[in-house]
N, C-alpha and C. Protein backbone atom coordinates (compact mmCIF):
# COMPACT_ATOMS: atom_id res chain seq x y z
N UNK A 1 -15.27 18.96 0.61
CA UNK A 1 -16.56 18.49 0.13
C UNK A 1 -17.01 19.28 -1.09
N UNK A 2 -16.67 20.56 -1.14
CA UNK A 2 -17.06 21.38 -2.28
C UNK A 2 -16.33 20.96 -3.55
N UNK A 3 -15.18 20.33 -3.39
CA UNK A 3 -14.43 19.90 -4.57
C UNK A 3 -15.21 18.86 -5.37
N UNK A 4 -16.10 18.14 -4.72
CA UNK A 4 -16.87 17.10 -5.40
C UNK A 4 -18.16 17.65 -6.01
N UNK A 5 -18.35 18.97 -5.96
CA UNK A 5 -19.52 19.60 -6.56
C UNK A 5 -19.16 20.41 -7.80
N UNK A 6 -17.98 20.22 -8.32
CA UNK A 6 -17.58 20.89 -9.56
C UNK A 6 -18.28 20.20 -10.73
N UNK A 7 -18.38 20.86 -11.89
CA UNK A 7 -19.07 20.24 -13.03
C UNK A 7 -18.50 18.87 -13.43
N UNK A 8 -17.19 18.73 -13.36
CA UNK A 8 -16.57 17.45 -13.70
C UNK A 8 -17.05 16.34 -12.76
N UNK A 9 -17.03 16.62 -11.46
CA UNK A 9 -17.47 15.62 -10.49
C UNK A 9 -18.97 15.37 -10.56
N UNK A 10 -19.75 16.42 -10.79
CA UNK A 10 -21.20 16.23 -10.90
C UNK A 10 -21.54 15.34 -12.09
N UNK A 11 -20.85 15.53 -13.21
CA UNK A 11 -21.07 14.67 -14.37
C UNK A 11 -20.70 13.22 -14.04
N UNK A 12 -19.62 13.04 -13.30
CA UNK A 12 -19.21 11.69 -12.91
C UNK A 12 -20.22 11.06 -11.95
N UNK A 13 -20.76 11.86 -11.01
CA UNK A 13 -21.78 11.34 -10.08
C UNK A 13 -23.02 10.90 -10.85
N UNK A 14 -23.46 11.72 -11.81
CA UNK A 14 -24.64 11.37 -12.60
C UNK A 14 -24.37 10.12 -13.42
N UNK A 15 -23.18 10.02 -14.01
CA UNK A 15 -22.84 8.83 -14.79
C UNK A 15 -22.88 7.58 -13.91
N UNK A 16 -22.36 7.66 -12.70
CA UNK A 16 -22.39 6.51 -11.80
C UNK A 16 -23.82 6.11 -11.47
N UNK A 17 -24.67 7.09 -11.18
CA UNK A 17 -26.06 6.78 -10.84
C UNK A 17 -26.77 6.12 -12.02
N UNK A 18 -26.53 6.65 -13.23
CA UNK A 18 -27.16 6.06 -14.42
C UNK A 18 -26.65 4.64 -14.65
N UNK A 19 -25.36 4.45 -14.52
CA UNK A 19 -24.80 3.10 -14.71
C UNK A 19 -25.32 2.11 -13.68
N UNK A 20 -25.38 2.53 -12.42
CA UNK A 20 -25.88 1.63 -11.37
C UNK A 20 -27.35 1.30 -11.59
N UNK A 21 -28.15 2.30 -11.95
CA UNK A 21 -29.57 2.04 -12.22
C UNK A 21 -29.73 1.09 -13.39
N UNK A 22 -28.90 1.26 -14.42
CA UNK A 22 -28.97 0.38 -15.59
C UNK A 22 -28.58 -1.04 -15.22
N UNK A 23 -27.52 -1.20 -14.45
CA UNK A 23 -27.09 -2.55 -14.08
C UNK A 23 -28.10 -3.23 -13.16
N UNK A 24 -28.71 -2.46 -12.25
CA UNK A 24 -29.74 -3.05 -11.39
C UNK A 24 -30.93 -3.48 -12.24
N UNK A 25 -31.33 -2.64 -13.19
CA UNK A 25 -32.45 -2.98 -14.07
C UNK A 25 -32.13 -4.19 -14.93
N UNK A 26 -30.91 -4.28 -15.43
CA UNK A 26 -30.51 -5.47 -16.21
C UNK A 26 -30.55 -6.73 -15.34
N UNK A 27 -30.15 -6.61 -14.08
CA UNK A 27 -30.22 -7.76 -13.18
C UNK A 27 -31.66 -8.20 -12.95
N UNK A 28 -32.57 -7.23 -12.77
CA UNK A 28 -33.99 -7.57 -12.59
C UNK A 28 -34.54 -8.23 -13.85
N UNK A 29 -34.17 -7.67 -15.01
CA UNK A 29 -34.64 -8.26 -16.28
C UNK A 29 -34.11 -9.68 -16.44
N UNK A 30 -32.83 -9.88 -16.12
CA UNK A 30 -32.24 -11.21 -16.27
C UNK A 30 -32.91 -12.20 -15.30
N UNK A 31 -33.24 -11.76 -14.11
CA UNK A 31 -33.93 -12.61 -13.15
C UNK A 31 -35.31 -13.00 -13.69
N UNK A 32 -35.98 -12.04 -14.29
CA UNK A 32 -37.30 -12.29 -14.87
C UNK A 32 -37.20 -13.30 -16.03
N UNK A 33 -36.21 -13.15 -16.87
CA UNK A 33 -36.01 -14.09 -17.98
C UNK A 33 -35.74 -15.49 -17.43
N UNK A 34 -35.00 -15.59 -16.34
CA UNK A 34 -34.74 -16.90 -15.73
C UNK A 34 -36.03 -17.54 -15.24
N UNK A 35 -36.95 -16.74 -14.74
CA UNK A 35 -38.25 -17.28 -14.29
C UNK A 35 -39.12 -17.72 -15.45
N UNK A 36 -39.04 -17.00 -16.56
CA UNK A 36 -39.83 -17.37 -17.73
C UNK A 36 -39.35 -18.71 -18.28
N UNK A 37 -38.07 -18.94 -18.23
CA UNK A 37 -37.51 -20.19 -18.77
C UNK A 37 -37.50 -21.29 -17.70
N UNK A 38 -38.37 -21.20 -16.75
CA UNK A 38 -38.55 -22.22 -15.72
C UNK A 38 -37.29 -22.44 -14.88
N UNK A 39 -36.71 -21.34 -14.42
CA UNK A 39 -35.59 -21.43 -13.48
C UNK A 39 -34.26 -21.74 -14.13
N UNK A 40 -33.99 -21.13 -15.26
CA UNK A 40 -32.70 -21.34 -15.93
C UNK A 40 -31.59 -20.77 -15.05
N UNK A 41 -30.69 -21.61 -14.61
CA UNK A 41 -29.64 -21.22 -13.66
C UNK A 41 -28.70 -20.18 -14.27
N UNK A 42 -28.45 -20.26 -15.55
CA UNK A 42 -27.55 -19.32 -16.20
C UNK A 42 -28.09 -17.89 -16.10
N UNK A 43 -29.39 -17.72 -16.32
CA UNK A 43 -29.99 -16.39 -16.22
C UNK A 43 -29.94 -15.86 -14.79
N UNK A 44 -30.16 -16.71 -13.82
CA UNK A 44 -30.07 -16.27 -12.43
C UNK A 44 -28.63 -15.84 -12.09
N UNK A 45 -27.67 -16.59 -12.60
CA UNK A 45 -26.27 -16.25 -12.37
C UNK A 45 -25.93 -14.90 -13.01
N UNK A 46 -26.45 -14.65 -14.22
CA UNK A 46 -26.22 -13.36 -14.86
C UNK A 46 -26.86 -12.22 -14.07
N UNK A 47 -28.02 -12.47 -13.50
CA UNK A 47 -28.68 -11.44 -12.70
C UNK A 47 -27.82 -11.08 -11.49
N UNK A 48 -27.31 -12.08 -10.80
CA UNK A 48 -26.45 -11.84 -9.64
C UNK A 48 -25.16 -11.14 -10.10
N UNK A 49 -24.68 -11.50 -11.28
CA UNK A 49 -23.47 -10.88 -11.80
C UNK A 49 -23.69 -9.38 -12.05
N UNK A 50 -24.84 -8.99 -12.59
CA UNK A 50 -25.12 -7.57 -12.80
C UNK A 50 -25.15 -6.82 -11.48
N UNK A 51 -25.73 -7.43 -10.46
CA UNK A 51 -25.79 -6.77 -9.15
C UNK A 51 -24.41 -6.69 -8.51
N UNK A 52 -23.58 -7.69 -8.78
CA UNK A 52 -22.20 -7.64 -8.28
C UNK A 52 -21.43 -6.51 -8.97
N UNK A 53 -21.67 -6.33 -10.27
CA UNK A 53 -21.04 -5.21 -10.98
C UNK A 53 -21.44 -3.88 -10.36
N UNK A 54 -22.70 -3.77 -9.96
CA UNK A 54 -23.16 -2.55 -9.31
C UNK A 54 -22.41 -2.33 -7.99
N UNK A 55 -22.25 -3.39 -7.22
CA UNK A 55 -21.51 -3.29 -5.96
C UNK A 55 -20.06 -2.87 -6.19
N UNK A 56 -19.43 -3.46 -7.22
CA UNK A 56 -18.05 -3.08 -7.53
C UNK A 56 -17.96 -1.62 -7.95
N UNK A 57 -18.92 -1.16 -8.76
CA UNK A 57 -18.90 0.24 -9.19
C UNK A 57 -19.01 1.17 -8.00
N UNK A 58 -19.89 0.86 -7.07
CA UNK A 58 -20.05 1.71 -5.88
C UNK A 58 -18.80 1.65 -5.01
N UNK A 59 -18.23 0.47 -4.86
CA UNK A 59 -17.01 0.32 -4.06
C UNK A 59 -15.87 1.14 -4.65
N UNK A 60 -15.64 1.01 -5.96
CA UNK A 60 -14.55 1.75 -6.57
C UNK A 60 -14.83 3.24 -6.63
N UNK A 61 -16.09 3.63 -6.72
CA UNK A 61 -16.43 5.04 -6.66
C UNK A 61 -16.08 5.61 -5.28
N UNK A 62 -16.37 4.86 -4.24
CA UNK A 62 -16.02 5.30 -2.88
C UNK A 62 -14.50 5.41 -2.74
N UNK A 63 -13.77 4.49 -3.32
CA UNK A 63 -12.31 4.55 -3.27
C UNK A 63 -11.79 5.78 -4.02
N UNK A 64 -12.41 6.07 -5.16
CA UNK A 64 -12.01 7.24 -5.94
C UNK A 64 -12.26 8.53 -5.16
N UNK A 65 -13.39 8.60 -4.50
CA UNK A 65 -13.70 9.77 -3.67
C UNK A 65 -12.71 9.89 -2.52
N UNK A 66 -12.41 8.78 -1.87
CA UNK A 66 -11.47 8.80 -0.76
C UNK A 66 -10.08 9.23 -1.21
N UNK A 67 -9.61 8.67 -2.33
CA UNK A 67 -8.28 9.02 -2.82
C UNK A 67 -8.20 10.48 -3.24
N UNK A 68 -9.27 10.99 -3.85
CA UNK A 68 -9.27 12.40 -4.23
C UNK A 68 -9.28 13.29 -2.99
N UNK A 69 -9.94 12.87 -1.94
CA UNK A 69 -9.94 13.63 -0.70
C UNK A 69 -8.61 13.59 0.01
N UNK A 70 -7.87 12.48 -0.12
CA UNK A 70 -6.57 12.36 0.53
C UNK A 70 -5.50 13.17 -0.18
N UNK A 71 -5.74 13.52 -1.44
CA UNK A 71 -4.76 14.31 -2.17
C UNK A 71 -4.55 15.68 -1.55
N UNK A 72 -5.58 16.19 -0.87
CA UNK A 72 -5.50 17.53 -0.28
C UNK A 72 -4.88 17.53 1.10
N UNK A 73 -4.69 16.36 1.70
CA UNK A 73 -4.12 16.27 3.05
C UNK A 73 -2.61 16.45 2.95
N UNK A 74 -2.01 17.38 3.72
CA UNK A 74 -0.57 17.58 3.63
C UNK A 74 0.19 16.37 4.17
N UNK A 75 1.25 16.04 3.50
CA UNK A 75 2.09 14.91 3.90
C UNK A 75 3.11 15.41 4.92
N UNK A 76 3.25 14.71 6.05
CA UNK A 76 4.24 15.17 7.04
C UNK A 76 5.65 15.07 6.46
N UNK A 77 6.53 15.98 6.85
CA UNK A 77 7.90 15.95 6.30
C UNK A 77 8.65 14.70 6.75
N UNK A 78 9.46 14.20 5.87
CA UNK A 78 10.25 13.01 6.16
C UNK A 78 11.50 13.44 6.93
N UNK A 79 11.74 12.77 8.04
CA UNK A 79 12.94 13.08 8.82
C UNK A 79 14.15 12.46 8.15
N UNK A 80 15.22 13.21 8.13
CA UNK A 80 16.45 12.72 7.52
C UNK A 80 17.10 11.68 8.43
N UNK A 81 17.61 10.61 7.85
CA UNK A 81 18.30 9.62 8.68
C UNK A 81 19.61 10.21 9.22
N UNK A 82 20.12 9.63 10.28
CA UNK A 82 21.38 10.14 10.82
C UNK A 82 22.51 10.01 9.80
N UNK A 83 23.47 10.88 9.91
CA UNK A 83 24.57 10.86 8.95
C UNK A 83 25.39 9.58 9.11
N UNK A 84 25.89 9.04 8.02
CA UNK A 84 26.63 7.77 8.11
C UNK A 84 28.01 7.93 8.74
N UNK A 85 28.47 9.16 8.95
CA UNK A 85 29.81 9.34 9.52
C UNK A 85 29.92 8.72 10.91
N UNK A 86 28.85 8.72 11.66
CA UNK A 86 28.94 8.17 13.00
C UNK A 86 29.00 6.65 13.01
N UNK A 87 28.77 6.01 11.88
CA UNK A 87 28.80 4.54 11.82
C UNK A 87 30.03 4.01 11.10
N UNK A 88 30.90 4.86 10.63
CA UNK A 88 32.01 4.39 9.80
C UNK A 88 33.13 3.70 10.58
N UNK A 89 33.34 4.12 11.77
CA UNK A 89 34.46 3.54 12.49
C UNK A 89 34.02 3.15 13.89
N UNK A 90 34.34 1.93 14.24
CA UNK A 90 34.02 1.44 15.56
C UNK A 90 35.28 1.52 16.41
N UNK A 91 35.16 2.07 17.58
CA UNK A 91 36.29 2.09 18.52
C UNK A 91 35.89 1.28 19.75
N UNK A 92 36.77 0.41 20.11
CA UNK A 92 36.51 -0.46 21.25
C UNK A 92 36.64 0.35 22.54
N UNK A 93 35.70 0.17 23.45
CA UNK A 93 35.84 0.87 24.74
C UNK A 93 37.12 0.45 25.44
N UNK A 94 37.72 1.37 26.19
CA UNK A 94 39.00 1.12 26.83
C UNK A 94 38.93 0.03 27.90
N UNK A 95 37.79 -0.17 28.50
CA UNK A 95 37.69 -1.14 29.58
C UNK A 95 37.69 -2.58 29.07
N UNK A 96 37.52 -2.79 27.77
CA UNK A 96 37.43 -4.15 27.25
C UNK A 96 38.68 -4.57 26.48
N UNK A 97 39.76 -3.88 26.66
CA UNK A 97 40.98 -4.27 25.94
C UNK A 97 41.46 -5.64 26.41
N UNK A 98 42.06 -6.36 25.51
CA UNK A 98 42.56 -7.69 25.82
C UNK A 98 43.93 -7.54 26.49
N UNK A 99 44.08 -8.14 27.65
CA UNK A 99 45.32 -8.00 28.41
C UNK A 99 46.19 -9.24 28.32
N UNK A 100 45.63 -10.33 27.88
CA UNK A 100 46.42 -11.56 27.88
C UNK A 100 47.06 -11.83 26.52
N UNK A 101 47.31 -10.80 25.70
CA UNK A 101 47.91 -11.03 24.40
C UNK A 101 49.39 -11.41 24.52
N UNK A 102 50.00 -11.08 25.62
CA UNK A 102 51.42 -11.44 25.80
C UNK A 102 51.58 -12.94 25.99
N UNK A 103 50.57 -13.63 26.49
CA UNK A 103 50.69 -15.06 26.72
C UNK A 103 50.45 -15.86 25.46
N UNK A 104 49.76 -15.29 24.48
CA UNK A 104 49.46 -16.01 23.25
C UNK A 104 50.13 -15.27 22.09
N UNK A 105 51.20 -15.82 21.52
CA UNK A 105 51.94 -15.10 20.47
C UNK A 105 51.09 -14.90 19.19
N UNK A 106 50.25 -15.82 18.88
CA UNK A 106 49.43 -15.68 17.66
C UNK A 106 48.42 -14.53 17.83
N UNK A 107 47.86 -14.43 19.02
CA UNK A 107 46.93 -13.34 19.29
C UNK A 107 47.66 -12.00 19.28
N UNK A 108 48.87 -11.96 19.82
CA UNK A 108 49.65 -10.72 19.82
C UNK A 108 49.96 -10.29 18.39
N UNK A 109 50.32 -11.25 17.52
CA UNK A 109 50.62 -10.96 16.13
C UNK A 109 49.36 -10.44 15.41
N UNK A 110 48.24 -11.06 15.69
CA UNK A 110 46.98 -10.63 15.06
C UNK A 110 46.58 -9.23 15.52
N UNK A 111 46.75 -8.95 16.83
CA UNK A 111 46.44 -7.61 17.34
C UNK A 111 47.37 -6.56 16.73
N UNK A 112 48.63 -6.92 16.52
CA UNK A 112 49.56 -5.98 15.88
C UNK A 112 49.13 -5.72 14.44
N UNK A 113 48.68 -6.76 13.77
CA UNK A 113 48.19 -6.60 12.41
C UNK A 113 46.97 -5.67 12.37
N UNK A 114 46.06 -5.85 13.31
CA UNK A 114 44.88 -4.98 13.37
C UNK A 114 45.25 -3.54 13.66
N UNK A 115 46.24 -3.33 14.55
CA UNK A 115 46.68 -1.96 14.85
C UNK A 115 47.29 -1.31 13.61
N UNK A 116 48.04 -2.10 12.83
CA UNK A 116 48.63 -1.53 11.61
C UNK A 116 47.54 -1.16 10.58
N UNK A 117 46.51 -1.97 10.52
CA UNK A 117 45.39 -1.63 9.63
C UNK A 117 44.68 -0.37 10.10
N UNK A 118 44.55 -0.24 11.40
CA UNK A 118 43.85 0.93 11.96
C UNK A 118 44.63 2.20 11.69
N UNK A 119 45.96 2.12 11.72
CA UNK A 119 46.77 3.29 11.48
C UNK A 119 46.74 3.72 10.02
N UNK A 120 46.51 2.79 9.14
CA UNK A 120 46.44 3.11 7.72
C UNK A 120 45.18 3.84 7.45
């Protein structure tokens, strides 16, 4: 909280207050001009627009304060992902070996081809 009481931040707080007061006053003036011109819709729209600008300024000021406050919060360390060595080679469990390759010659040939690739 004390970080927002430095001269830089105090000047920014004063600037925001002056800008918001000016925009609110401009909105009141624009509303008054709309009444003088017998309800000119354009002037009423400008008045609402000035007040919307004030709302946006306050909203973004709050975001700026929040972001500046979050800069001081320590970031938790990132955990390292598991090493890729454990994913490089798949070995089939022994209980699931194919036993009927002797009955199908094409399957036996394909399994022999796979074994030769595995040995390489």
